[in-house]
């Protein structure tokens, strides 16, 4: 696309396929089909020489803001849809170092015993941190032995777990896990997992009632000290905004690909710090970019700056 140095603006339609203007939000994005987004009310028409004539001041200001951005920033915006972490190892190491200096190595209150941690993680599903931490503490105080939890009347256990939400489901799953562990191990203890290989541990844990790969990888990290980077909603959201993950809802295959792409030595630190960053700054739906220690390397933060500049330019028209 040619540089826009004069008014009115005329741009070839086939060169517009690399970007678009979203007229509702006044921002440049990476999707295709700019010409299809321009409406008659925006005074756009295709001339005899095949060029698209844009005479709306707002559209001109948006295009200027996009094309006046430094070349490396524009390239980052265009390629944000998906970047292989392997192809950006240097940048990823820098990100990990920044996050580690900022957050240290938080454990997020996960227990060090694998069975304790497994139950803690079951309680953490679909609820706020303060609630599942409070619920776990109350459970351990009221029923300090897992055998008591296993044999407790379901309604009594549900009452204890109510604060964490999904009490009926979590009660059923926790008791089923405890019964299955005792059946396999002869006791309520998962210490034997420490001697197994990573693949064996994951297979064992995911064969327990209701335990998925993410939960298994968390137990491996927090309780067994294995170099994993479990992908949860915080990890995926931050990595997506940084340009390392595709712009879509994640699934198990996406999570596996992302984790395997991260250098093994960086995985534990990145998981715990990305979770901390996602909870405190890079929130959903509105990140606090003004307080972000990664702002200088984040294409999403740059998008926000460009967008603010577009609005400011439009306001002066």
C-alpha atoms as a PDB file:
ATOM      1  CA  UNK A   1       0.000   0.000   0.000  1.00  0.00           C
ATOM      2  CA  UNK A   2       1.369   3.429  -0.921  1.00  0.00           C
ATOM      3  CA  UNK A   3       2.172   6.060   1.659  1.00  0.00           C
ATOM      4  CA  UNK A   4      -0.701   8.458   2.281  1.00  0.00           C
ATOM      5  CA  UNK A   5       0.771  11.916   2.061  1.00  0.00           C
ATOM      6  CA  UNK A   6      -2.032  13.887   0.499  1.00  0.00           C
ATOM      7  CA  UNK A   7      -5.779  14.372   0.454  1.00  0.00           C
ATOM      8  CA  UNK A   8      -8.018  13.007  -0.880  1.00  0.00           C
ATOM      9  CA  UNK A   9      -6.676   9.483  -0.432  1.00  0.00           C
ATOM     10  CA  UNK A  10      -6.703   6.998  -3.306  1.00  0.00           C
ATOM     11  CA  UNK A  11      -5.541   3.430  -2.665  1.00  0.00           C
ATOM     12  CA  UNK A  12      -5.587   0.401  -4.942  1.00  0.00           C
ATOM     13  CA  UNK A  13      -8.215  -2.128  -3.725  1.00  0.00           C
ATOM     14  CA  UNK A  14      -5.953  -5.142  -4.231  1.00  0.00           C
ATOM     15  CA  UNK A  15      -3.356  -3.545  -1.938  1.00  0.00           C
ATOM     16  CA  UNK A  16      -5.977  -3.163   0.766  1.00  0.00           C
ATOM     17  CA  UNK A  17      -6.296  -6.946   1.247  1.00  0.00           C
ATOM     18  CA  UNK A  18      -3.512  -6.836   3.847  1.00  0.00           C
ATOM     19  CA  UNK A  19      -5.578  -4.834   6.298  1.00  0.00           C
ATOM     20  CA  UNK A  20      -8.959  -3.426   7.076  1.00  0.00           C
ATOM     21  CA  UNK A  21     -10.647  -0.568   8.865  1.00  0.00           C
ATOM     22  CA  UNK A  22     -13.293  -1.439  11.389  1.00  0.00           C
ATOM     23  CA  UNK A  23     -15.595   1.545  11.134  1.00  0.00           C
ATOM     24  CA  UNK A  24     -17.234   0.856  14.478  1.00  0.00           C
ATOM     25  CA  UNK A  25     -14.053   0.962  16.529  1.00  0.00           C
ATOM     26  CA  UNK A  26     -11.969   3.219  14.276  1.00  0.00           C
ATOM     27  CA  UNK A  27      -8.960   0.961  14.363  1.00  0.00           C
ATOM     28  CA  UNK A  28      -6.709  -0.849  11.914  1.00  0.00           C
ATOM     29  CA  UNK A  29      -6.617  -4.641  12.315  1.00  0.00           C
ATOM     30  CA  UNK A  30      -4.967  -7.551  10.555  1.00  0.00           C
ATOM     31  CA  UNK A  31      -7.971  -9.146   8.852  1.00  0.00           C
ATOM     32  CA  UNK A  32      -8.573  -8.979   5.117  1.00  0.00           C
ATOM     33  CA  UNK A  33     -11.208  -7.189   3.067  1.00  0.00           C
ATOM     34  CA  UNK A  34     -10.880  -3.476   3.814  1.00  0.00           C
ATOM     35  CA  UNK A  35     -12.887  -2.596   0.737  1.00  0.00           C
ATOM     36  CA  UNK A  36     -15.839  -4.643   1.989  1.00  0.00           C
ATOM     37  CA  UNK A  37     -15.860  -2.656   5.234  1.00  0.00           C
ATOM     38  CA  UNK A  38     -16.234   0.734   3.572  1.00  0.00           C
ATOM     39  CA  UNK A  39     -19.847   1.849   3.377  1.00  0.00           C
ATOM     40  CA  UNK A  40     -21.514   4.303   0.975  1.00  0.00           C
ATOM     41  CA  UNK A  41     -21.971   6.770   3.793  1.00  0.00           C
ATOM     42  CA  UNK A  42     -18.188   6.914   4.118  1.00  0.00           C
ATOM     43  CA  UNK A  43     -17.860   8.494   0.650  1.00  0.00           C
ATOM     44  CA  UNK A  44     -15.765   5.723  -0.850  1.00  0.00           C
ATOM     45  CA  UNK A  45     -15.884   4.909  -4.541  1.00  0.00           C
ATOM     46  CA  UNK A  46     -13.832   2.981  -7.062  1.00  0.00           C
ATOM     47  CA  UNK A  47     -12.534   5.173  -9.889  1.00  0.00           C
ATOM     48  CA  UNK A  48     -11.982   4.275 -13.563  1.00  0.00           C
ATOM     49  CA  UNK A  49      -8.320   3.518 -12.995  1.00  0.00           C
ATOM     50  CA  UNK A  50      -9.213   0.846 -10.408  1.00  0.00           C
ATOM     51  CA  UNK A  51      -8.251   2.832  -7.335  1.00  0.00           C
ATOM     52  CA  UNK A  52     -10.401   3.277  -4.269  1.00  0.00           C
ATOM     53  CA  UNK A  53     -11.116   6.898  -3.390  1.00  0.00           C
ATOM     54  CA  UNK A  54     -11.641   7.620   0.318  1.00  0.00           C
ATOM     55  CA  UNK A  55     -12.870  11.100   1.139  1.00  0.00           C
ATOM     56  CA  UNK A  56     -14.137  10.621   4.711  1.00  0.00           C
ATOM     57  CA  UNK A  57     -11.791  12.480   7.089  1.00  0.00           C
ATOM     58  CA  UNK A  58     -12.130   9.748   9.688  1.00  0.00           C
ATOM     59  CA  UNK A  59     -10.978   7.073   7.236  1.00  0.00           C
ATOM     60  CA  UNK A  60      -8.066   9.199   6.106  1.00  0.00           C
ATOM     61  CA  UNK A  61      -6.926   9.738   9.689  1.00  0.00           C
ATOM     62  CA  UNK A  62      -7.153   6.025  10.428  1.00  0.00           C
ATOM     63  CA  UNK A  63      -5.080   5.103   7.388  1.00  0.00           C
ATOM     64  CA  UNK A  64      -2.513   7.765   8.248  1.00  0.00           C
ATOM     65  CA  UNK A  65      -2.178   6.492  11.818  1.00  0.00           C
ATOM     66  CA  UNK A  66      -1.591   2.995  10.490  1.00  0.00           C
ATOM     67  CA  UNK A  67       0.948   3.964   7.841  1.00  0.00           C
ATOM     68  CA  UNK A  68       2.820   6.472   9.969  1.00  0.00           C
ATOM     69  CA  UNK A  69       3.587   3.749  12.519  1.00  0.00           C
ATOM     70  CA  UNK A  70       7.205   2.522  12.469  1.00  0.00           C
ATOM     71  CA  UNK A  71       7.773  -0.335  10.041  1.00  0.00           C
ATOM     72  CA  UNK A  72       8.666  -2.872  12.732  1.00  0.00           C
ATOM     73  CA  UNK A  73       5.484  -2.077  14.675  1.00  0.00           C
ATOM     74  CA  UNK A  74       3.337  -2.536  11.574  1.00  0.00           C
ATOM     75  CA  UNK A  75       5.025  -5.852  10.845  1.00  0.00           C
ATOM     76  CA  UNK A  76       4.385  -7.033  14.391  1.00  0.00           C
ATOM     77  CA  UNK A  77       0.729  -6.146  14.013  1.00  0.00           C
ATOM     78  CA  UNK A  78       0.428  -7.979  10.693  1.00  0.00           C
ATOM     79  CA  UNK A  79       2.058 -11.171  11.992  1.00  0.00           C
ATOM     80  CA  UNK A  80       0.342 -11.243  15.369  1.00  0.00           C
ATOM     81  CA  UNK A  81      -2.136 -13.966  14.368  1.00  0.00           C
ATOM     82  CA  UNK A  82       0.375 -16.707  15.088  1.00  0.00           C
ATOM     83  CA  UNK A  83       4.077 -16.882  15.792  1.00  0.00           C
ATOM     84  CA  UNK A  84       6.013 -19.993  16.655  1.00  0.00           C
ATOM     85  CA  UNK A  85       7.608 -19.654  20.057  1.00  0.00           C
ATOM     86  CA  UNK A  86      10.571 -21.596  18.676  1.00  0.00           C
ATOM     87  CA  UNK A  87      11.100 -18.880  16.103  1.00  0.00           C
ATOM     88  CA  UNK A  88      11.097 -16.199  18.788  1.00  0.00           C
ATOM     89  CA  UNK A  89      13.245 -17.852  21.468  1.00  0.00           C
ATOM     90  CA  UNK A  90      15.316 -14.769  22.156  1.00  0.00           C
ATOM     91  CA  UNK A  91      12.244 -12.615  22.684  1.00  0.00           C
ATOM     92  CA  UNK A  92      10.653 -15.296  24.844  1.00  0.00           C
ATOM     93  CA  UNK A  93      13.723 -15.530  27.084  1.00  0.00           C
ATOM     94  CA  UNK A  94      13.640 -11.775  27.530  1.00  0.00           C
ATOM     95  CA  UNK A  95       9.951 -11.944  28.455  1.00  0.00           C
ATOM     96  CA  UNK A  96      10.608 -14.710  30.982  1.00  0.00           C
ATOM     97  CA  UNK A  97      13.416 -12.717  32.577  1.00  0.00           C
ATOM     98  CA  UNK A  98      11.231  -9.608  32.890  1.00  0.00           C
ATOM     99  CA  UNK A  99       8.360 -11.573  34.435  1.00  0.00           C
ATOM    100  CA  UNK A 100      10.674 -13.418  36.827  1.00  0.00           C
ATOM    101  CA  UNK A 101      12.170 -10.143  38.038  1.00  0.00           C
ATOM    102  CA  UNK A 102       8.672  -8.758  38.533  1.00  0.00           C
ATOM    103  CA  UNK A 103       6.883 -11.715  40.149  1.00  0.00           C
ATOM    104  CA  UNK A 104       9.615 -14.049  41.381  1.00  0.00           C
ATOM    105  CA  UNK A 105       8.580 -17.719  41.520  1.00  0.00           C
ATOM    106  CA  UNK A 106       5.068 -17.778  43.027  1.00  0.00           C
ATOM    107  CA  UNK A 107       3.509 -21.141  43.864  1.00  0.00           C
ATOM    108  CA  UNK A 108      -0.015 -19.726  43.885  1.00  0.00           C
ATOM    109  CA  UNK A 109      -0.643 -21.612  47.149  1.00  0.00           C
ATOM    110  CA  UNK A 110      -0.445 -25.056  45.536  1.00  0.00           C
ATOM    111  CA  UNK A 111       0.413 -27.831  48.038  1.00  0.00           C
ATOM    112  CA  UNK A 112       3.627 -29.812  47.575  1.00  0.00           C
ATOM    113  CA  UNK A 113       2.013 -33.218  48.125  1.00  0.00           C
ATOM    114  CA  UNK A 114       0.642 -34.630  44.835  1.00  0.00           C
ATOM    115  CA  UNK A 115      -2.680 -35.876  46.243  1.00  0.00           C
ATOM    116  CA  UNK A 116      -3.218 -32.675  48.217  1.00  0.00           C
ATOM    117  CA  UNK A 117      -2.451 -30.644  45.102  1.00  0.00           C
ATOM    118  CA  UNK A 118      -4.793 -32.713  42.965  1.00  0.00           C
ATOM    119  CA  UNK A 119      -7.726 -32.039  45.292  1.00  0.00           C
ATOM    120  CA  UNK A 120      -6.725 -28.359  45.535  1.00  0.00           C
ATOM    121  CA  UNK A 121      -6.821 -28.116  41.732  1.00  0.00           C
ATOM    122  CA  UNK A 122     -10.232 -29.784  41.520  1.00  0.00           C
ATOM    123  CA  UNK A 123     -11.555 -27.138  43.907  1.00  0.00           C
ATOM    124  CA  UNK A 124      -9.993 -24.355  41.838  1.00  0.00           C
ATOM    125  CA  UNK A 125     -12.054 -25.041  38.733  1.00  0.00           C
ATOM    126  CA  UNK A 126     -14.442 -22.337  37.573  1.00  0.00           C
ATOM    127  CA  UNK A 127     -14.060 -20.136  40.639  1.00  0.00           C
ATOM    128  CA  UNK A 128     -12.029 -17.257  42.043  1.00  0.00           C
ATOM    129  CA  UNK A 129      -8.707 -17.826  43.775  1.00  0.00           C
ATOM    130  CA  UNK A 130      -9.838 -16.397  47.090  1.00  0.00           C
ATOM    131  CA  UNK A 131     -12.822 -18.782  47.169  1.00  0.00           C
ATOM    132  CA  UNK A 132     -11.030 -22.030  46.361  1.00  0.00           C
ATOM    133  CA  UNK A 133      -8.187 -21.222  48.748  1.00  0.00           C
ATOM    134  CA  UNK A 134     -10.690 -20.543  51.507  1.00  0.00           C
ATOM    135  CA  UNK A 135     -12.628 -23.697  50.669  1.00  0.00           C
ATOM    136  CA  UNK A 136      -9.516 -25.887  50.667  1.00  0.00           C
ATOM    137  CA  UNK A 137      -8.426 -24.508  54.053  1.00  0.00           C
ATOM    138  CA  UNK A 138     -11.887 -25.128  55.514  1.00  0.00           C
ATOM    139  CA  UNK A 139     -11.949 -28.660  54.115  1.00  0.00           C
ATOM    140  CA  UNK A 140      -8.565 -29.556  55.601  1.00  0.00           C
ATOM    141  CA  UNK A 141      -9.542 -28.104  58.950  1.00  0.00           C
ATOM    142  CA  UNK A 142     -12.864 -29.947  59.104  1.00  0.00           C
ATOM    143  CA  UNK A 143     -11.629 -33.196  57.543  1.00  0.00           C
ATOM    144  CA  UNK A 144      -7.841 -33.395  58.017  1.00  0.00           C
ATOM    145  CA  UNK A 145      -7.629 -36.975  56.691  1.00  0.00           C
ATOM    146  CA  UNK A 146      -8.514 -37.843  53.093  1.00  0.00           C
ATOM    147  CA  UNK A 147     -10.162 -41.014  54.364  1.00  0.00           C
ATOM    148  CA  UNK A 148     -12.731 -38.860  56.146  1.00  0.00           C
ATOM    149  CA  UNK A 149     -13.409 -36.947  52.935  1.00  0.00           C
ATOM    150  CA  UNK A 150     -13.759 -40.193  50.987  1.00  0.00           C
ATOM    151  CA  UNK A 151     -16.372 -41.570  53.397  1.00  0.00           C
ATOM    152  CA  UNK A 152     -18.192 -38.323  54.225  1.00  0.00           C
ATOM    153  CA  UNK A 153     -21.909 -38.075  53.441  1.00  0.00           C
ATOM    154  CA  UNK A 154     -22.116 -36.211  50.101  1.00  0.00           C
ATOM    155  CA  UNK A 155     -24.479 -33.548  51.437  1.00  0.00           C
ATOM    156  CA  UNK A 156     -22.066 -32.784  54.279  1.00  0.00           C
ATOM    157  CA  UNK A 157     -19.132 -32.457  51.890  1.00  0.00           C
ATOM    158  CA  UNK A 158     -21.174 -30.345  49.466  1.00  0.00           C
ATOM    159  CA  UNK A 159     -21.911 -27.903  52.257  1.00  0.00           C
ATOM    160  CA  UNK A 160     -18.195 -27.540  52.945  1.00  0.00           C
ATOM    161  CA  UNK A 161     -17.420 -26.974  49.261  1.00  0.00           C
ATOM    162  CA  UNK A 162     -20.302 -24.614  48.509  1.00  0.00           C
ATOM    163  CA  UNK A 163     -18.154 -21.470  48.544  1.00  0.00           C
ATOM    164  CA  UNK A 164     -16.032 -22.787  45.659  1.00  0.00           C
ATOM    165  CA  UNK A 165     -19.062 -23.395  43.432  1.00  0.00           C
ATOM    166  CA  UNK A 166     -20.145 -26.559  41.604  1.00  0.00           C
ATOM    167  CA  UNK A 167     -20.253 -28.250  44.995  1.00  0.00           C
ATOM    168  CA  UNK A 168     -22.189 -31.316  43.867  1.00  0.00           C
ATOM    169  CA  UNK A 169     -19.888 -31.985  40.908  1.00  0.00           C
ATOM    170  CA  UNK A 170     -16.710 -31.402  42.891  1.00  0.00           C
ATOM    171  CA  UNK A 171     -17.911 -33.572  45.776  1.00  0.00           C
ATOM    172  CA  UNK A 172     -18.620 -36.443  43.426  1.00  0.00           C
ATOM    173  CA  UNK A 173     -15.298 -36.097  41.630  1.00  0.00           C
ATOM    174  CA  UNK A 174     -13.164 -35.758  44.764  1.00  0.00           C
ATOM    175  CA  UNK A 175     -14.691 -38.819  46.394  1.00  0.00           C
ATOM    176  CA  UNK A 176     -14.346 -40.804  43.156  1.00  0.00           C
ATOM    177  CA  UNK A 177     -10.665 -39.809  42.874  1.00  0.00           C
ATOM    178  CA  UNK A 178      -9.941 -40.779  46.457  1.00  0.00           C
ATOM    179  CA  UNK A 179     -11.610 -44.169  46.062  1.00  0.00           C
ATOM    180  CA  UNK A 180      -9.728 -44.866  42.832  1.00  0.00           C
ATOM    181  CA  UNK A 181      -6.360 -43.845  44.312  1.00  0.00           C
ATOM    182  CA  UNK A 182      -6.873 -46.124  47.300  1.00  0.00           C
ATOM    183  CA  UNK A 183      -7.929 -48.960  45.013  1.00  0.00           C
ATOM    184  CA  UNK A 184      -4.759 -48.610  42.926  1.00  0.00           C
ATOM    185  CA  UNK A 185      -2.240 -47.740  45.615  1.00  0.00           C
ATOM    186  CA  UNK A 186      -3.672 -49.503  48.653  1.00  0.00           C
ATOM    187  CA  UNK A 187      -3.567 -46.177  50.466  1.00  0.00           C
ATOM    188  CA  UNK A 188      -4.486 -42.543  49.959  1.00  0.00           C
ATOM    189  CA  UNK A 189      -1.067 -41.468  48.714  1.00  0.00           C
ATOM    190  CA  UNK A 190       0.403 -40.570  45.327  1.00  0.00           C
ATOM    191  CA  UNK A 191       4.044 -40.396  46.427  1.00  0.00           C
ATOM    192  CA  UNK A 192       4.858 -43.299  44.087  1.00  0.00           C
ATOM    193  CA  UNK A 193       4.437 -40.939  41.151  1.00  0.00           C
ATOM    194  CA  UNK A 194       7.716 -39.234  42.033  1.00  0.00           C
ATOM    195  CA  UNK A 195       9.618 -42.238  40.670  1.00  0.00           C
ATOM    196  CA  UNK A 196       7.793 -42.338  37.330  1.00  0.00           C
ATOM    197  CA  UNK A 197       8.645 -40.728  34.002  1.00  0.00           C
ATOM    198  CA  UNK A 198       6.708 -37.654  32.929  1.00  0.00           C
ATOM    199  CA  UNK A 199       4.614 -39.515  30.363  1.00  0.00           C
ATOM    200  CA  UNK A 200       3.710 -42.198  32.901  1.00  0.00           C
ATOM    201  CA  UNK A 201       2.666 -39.596  35.458  1.00  0.00           C
ATOM    202  CA  UNK A 202       0.429 -37.812  32.965  1.00  0.00           C
ATOM    203  CA  UNK A 203      -1.173 -41.081  31.855  1.00  0.00           C
ATOM    204  CA  UNK A 204      -1.810 -42.090  35.465  1.00  0.00           C
ATOM    205  CA  UNK A 205      -3.351 -38.784  36.505  1.00  0.00           C
ATOM    206  CA  UNK A 206      -5.515 -38.341  33.420  1.00  0.00           C
ATOM    207  CA  UNK A 207      -6.940 -41.825  33.965  1.00  0.00           C
ATOM    208  CA  UNK A 208      -8.400 -40.693  37.297  1.00  0.00           C
ATOM    209  CA  UNK A 209     -12.064 -39.597  37.319  1.00  0.00           C
ATOM    210  CA  UNK A 210     -12.497 -36.174  35.710  1.00  0.00           C
ATOM    211  CA  UNK A 211      -8.783 -35.279  35.604  1.00  0.00           C
ATOM    212  CA  UNK A 212      -7.703 -33.583  32.377  1.00  0.00           C
ATOM    213  CA  UNK A 213      -4.296 -32.857  30.933  1.00  0.00           C
ATOM    214  CA  UNK A 214      -4.056 -29.339  32.339  1.00  0.00           C
ATOM    215  CA  UNK A 215      -4.718 -30.543  35.895  1.00  0.00           C
ATOM    216  CA  UNK A 216      -2.234 -33.374  35.469  1.00  0.00           C
ATOM    217  CA  UNK A 217       0.449 -31.000  34.207  1.00  0.00           C
ATOM    218  CA  UNK A 218      -0.176 -28.677  37.158  1.00  0.00           C
ATOM    219  CA  UNK A 219       0.325 -31.533  39.634  1.00  0.00           C
ATOM    220  CA  UNK A 220       3.518 -32.441  37.789  1.00  0.00           C
ATOM    221  CA  UNK A 221       4.786 -28.874  38.074  1.00  0.00           C
ATOM    222  CA  UNK A 222       3.755 -27.827  41.567  1.00  0.00           C
ATOM    223  CA  UNK A 223       3.948 -31.127  43.485  1.00  0.00           C
ATOM    224  CA  UNK A 224       6.422 -33.237  41.504  1.00  0.00           C
ATOM    225  CA  UNK A 225       8.824 -30.562  40.258  1.00  0.00           C
ATOM    226  CA  UNK A 226       8.643 -31.500  36.588  1.00  0.00           C
ATOM    227  CA  UNK A 227       9.481 -28.900  33.890  1.00  0.00           C
ATOM    228  CA  UNK A 228       5.985 -28.287  32.566  1.00  0.00           C
ATOM    229  CA  UNK A 229       4.088 -25.169  31.519  1.00  0.00           C
ATOM    230  CA  UNK A 230       0.407 -26.048  31.927  1.00  0.00           C
ATOM    231  CA  UNK A 231      -1.704 -23.891  29.644  1.00  0.00           C
ATOM    232  CA  UNK A 232      -4.668 -22.390  31.466  1.00  0.00           C
ATOM    233  CA  UNK A 233      -6.835 -19.428  30.579  1.00  0.00           C
ATOM    234  CA  UNK A 234      -4.297 -16.903  31.931  1.00  0.00           C
ATOM    235  CA  UNK A 235      -1.317 -18.448  30.141  1.00  0.00           C
ATOM    236  CA  UNK A 236      -3.215 -18.659  26.855  1.00  0.00           C
ATOM    237  CA  UNK A 237      -4.568 -15.103  27.061  1.00  0.00           C
ATOM    238  CA  UNK A 238      -1.175 -13.508  27.784  1.00  0.00           C
ATOM    239  CA  UNK A 239       0.659 -15.597  25.187  1.00  0.00           C
ATOM    240  CA  UNK A 240      -2.034 -14.776  22.661  1.00  0.00           C
ATOM    241  CA  UNK A 241      -1.691 -11.044  23.275  1.00  0.00           C
ATOM    242  CA  UNK A 242       2.086 -11.337  23.058  1.00  0.00           C
ATOM    243  CA  UNK A 243       1.701 -12.933  19.630  1.00  0.00           C
ATOM    244  CA  UNK A 244       2.739 -16.485  20.507  1.00  0.00           C
ATOM    245  CA  UNK A 245      -0.673 -18.160  20.216  1.00  0.00           C
ATOM    246  CA  UNK A 246      -3.457 -18.047  17.632  1.00  0.00           C
ATOM    247  CA  UNK A 247      -6.356 -15.649  18.088  1.00  0.00           C
ATOM    248  CA  UNK A 248      -9.004 -18.208  18.979  1.00  0.00           C
ATOM    249  CA  UNK A 249     -10.362 -20.187  21.897  1.00  0.00           C
ATOM    250  CA  UNK A 250      -7.783 -22.774  22.894  1.00  0.00           C
ATOM    251  CA  UNK A 251      -8.189 -26.526  23.034  1.00  0.00           C
ATOM    252  CA  UNK A 252      -6.019 -29.414  24.250  1.00  0.00           C
ATOM    253  CA  UNK A 253      -4.164 -29.634  20.955  1.00  0.00           C
ATOM    254  CA  UNK A 254      -3.364 -25.905  21.013  1.00  0.00           C
ATOM    255  CA  UNK A 255      -2.227 -26.168  24.624  1.00  0.00           C
ATOM    256  CA  UNK A 256       0.034 -29.105  23.847  1.00  0.00           C
ATOM    257  CA  UNK A 257       1.572 -27.356  20.842  1.00  0.00           C
ATOM    258  CA  UNK A 258       2.214 -24.151  22.768  1.00  0.00           C
ATOM    259  CA  UNK A 259       3.789 -25.927  25.737  1.00  0.00           C
ATOM    260  CA  UNK A 260       5.988 -28.112  23.548  1.00  0.00           C
ATOM    261  CA  UNK A 261       7.202 -25.022  21.691  1.00  0.00           C
ATOM    262  CA  UNK A 262       8.515 -23.410  24.871  1.00  0.00           C
ATOM    263  CA  UNK A 263      12.108 -24.332  25.792  1.00  0.00           C
ATOM    264  CA  UNK A 264      11.931 -26.835  28.639  1.00  0.00           C
ATOM    265  CA  UNK A 265      14.057 -24.779  31.019  1.00  0.00           C
ATOM    266  CA  UNK A 266      11.677 -21.816  30.715  1.00  0.00           C
ATOM    267  CA  UNK A 267       8.419 -23.717  31.218  1.00  0.00           C
ATOM    268  CA  UNK A 268       8.052 -23.681  35.046  1.00  0.00           C
ATOM    269  CA  UNK A 269       8.953 -20.016  35.405  1.00  0.00           C
ATOM    270  CA  UNK A 270       6.803 -18.931  32.494  1.00  0.00           C
ATOM    271  CA  UNK A 271       3.755 -20.756  33.806  1.00  0.00           C
ATOM    272  CA  UNK A 272       3.796 -19.298  37.312  1.00  0.00           C
ATOM    273  CA  UNK A 273       4.674 -15.773  36.152  1.00  0.00           C
ATOM    274  CA  UNK A 274       2.215 -15.726  33.243  1.00  0.00           C
ATOM    275  CA  UNK A 275      -0.536 -16.747  35.674  1.00  0.00           C
ATOM    276  CA  UNK A 276       0.498 -13.948  38.038  1.00  0.00           C
ATOM    277  CA  UNK A 277       0.646 -11.432  35.185  1.00  0.00           C
ATOM    278  CA  UNK A 278      -2.688 -12.558  33.766  1.00  0.00           C
ATOM    279  CA  UNK A 279      -4.408 -12.176  37.115  1.00  0.00           C
ATOM    280  CA  UNK A 280      -2.947  -8.812  38.061  1.00  0.00           C
ATOM    281  CA  UNK A 281      -2.345  -6.875  34.812  1.00  0.00           C
ATOM    282  CA  UNK A 282      -3.158  -8.699  31.563  1.00  0.00           C
ATOM    283  CA  UNK A 283      -6.748  -9.284  32.576  1.00  0.00           C
ATOM    284  CA  UNK A 284      -9.763 -10.303  30.567  1.00  0.00           C
ATOM    285  CA  UNK A 285     -11.393  -8.473  28.970  1.00  0.00           C
ATOM    286  CA  UNK A 286      -9.469  -5.241  29.620  1.00  0.00           C
ATOM    287  CA  UNK A 287      -5.716  -5.430  30.287  1.00  0.00           C
ATOM    288  CA  UNK A 288      -4.026  -2.641  32.223  1.00  0.00           C
ATOM    289  CA  UNK A 289      -1.474  -1.834  29.515  1.00  0.00           C
ATOM    290  CA  UNK A 290      -0.306   1.321  31.278  1.00  0.00           C
ATOM    291  CA  UNK A 291       1.114  -0.820  34.118  1.00  0.00           C
ATOM    292  CA  UNK A 292       2.439  -3.685  31.994  1.00  0.00           C
ATOM    293  CA  UNK A 293       6.130  -4.548  32.291  1.00  0.00           C
ATOM    294  CA  UNK A 294       5.903  -6.200  28.859  1.00  0.00           C
ATOM    295  CA  UNK A 295       4.439  -3.169  27.070  1.00  0.00           C
ATOM    296  CA  UNK A 296       7.619  -2.619  25.072  1.00  0.00           C
ATOM    297  CA  UNK A 297       7.474  -6.067  23.506  1.00  0.00           C
ATOM    298  CA  UNK A 298       3.713  -6.599  23.239  1.00  0.00           C
ATOM    299  CA  UNK A 299       2.005  -6.078  19.849  1.00  0.00           C
ATOM    300  CA  UNK A 300      -1.409  -5.936  21.519  1.00  0.00           C
ATOM    301  CA  UNK A 301      -0.252  -3.038  23.661  1.00  0.00           C
ATOM    302  CA  UNK A 302       1.011  -1.332  20.506  1.00  0.00           C
ATOM    303  CA  UNK A 303      -2.392  -1.850  18.903  1.00  0.00           C
ATOM    304  CA  UNK A 304      -3.949  -0.065  21.861  1.00  0.00           C
ATOM    305  CA  UNK A 305      -1.565   2.867  21.451  1.00  0.00           C
ATOM    306  CA  UNK A 306      -2.301   3.098  17.719  1.00  0.00           C
ATOM    307  CA  UNK A 307      -6.010   2.930  18.438  1.00  0.00           C
ATOM    308  CA  UNK A 308      -5.764   5.779  20.943  1.00  0.00           C
ATOM    309  CA  UNK A 309      -3.833   7.794  18.374  1.00  0.00           C
ATOM    310  CA  UNK A 310      -6.512   7.147  15.768  1.00  0.00           C
ATOM    311  CA  UNK A 311      -9.249   8.401  18.081  1.00  0.00           C
ATOM    312  CA  UNK A 312      -7.223  11.487  18.924  1.00  0.00           C
ATOM    313  CA  UNK A 313      -6.642  12.215  15.226  1.00  0.00           C
ATOM    314  CA  UNK A 314     -10.305  11.691  14.405  1.00  0.00           C
ATOM    315  CA  UNK A 315     -11.338  14.036  17.196  1.00  0.00           C
ATOM    316  CA  UNK A 316      -9.368  16.868  15.608  1.00  0.00           C
ATOM    317  CA  UNK A 317     -11.047  16.516  12.212  1.00  0.00           C
END
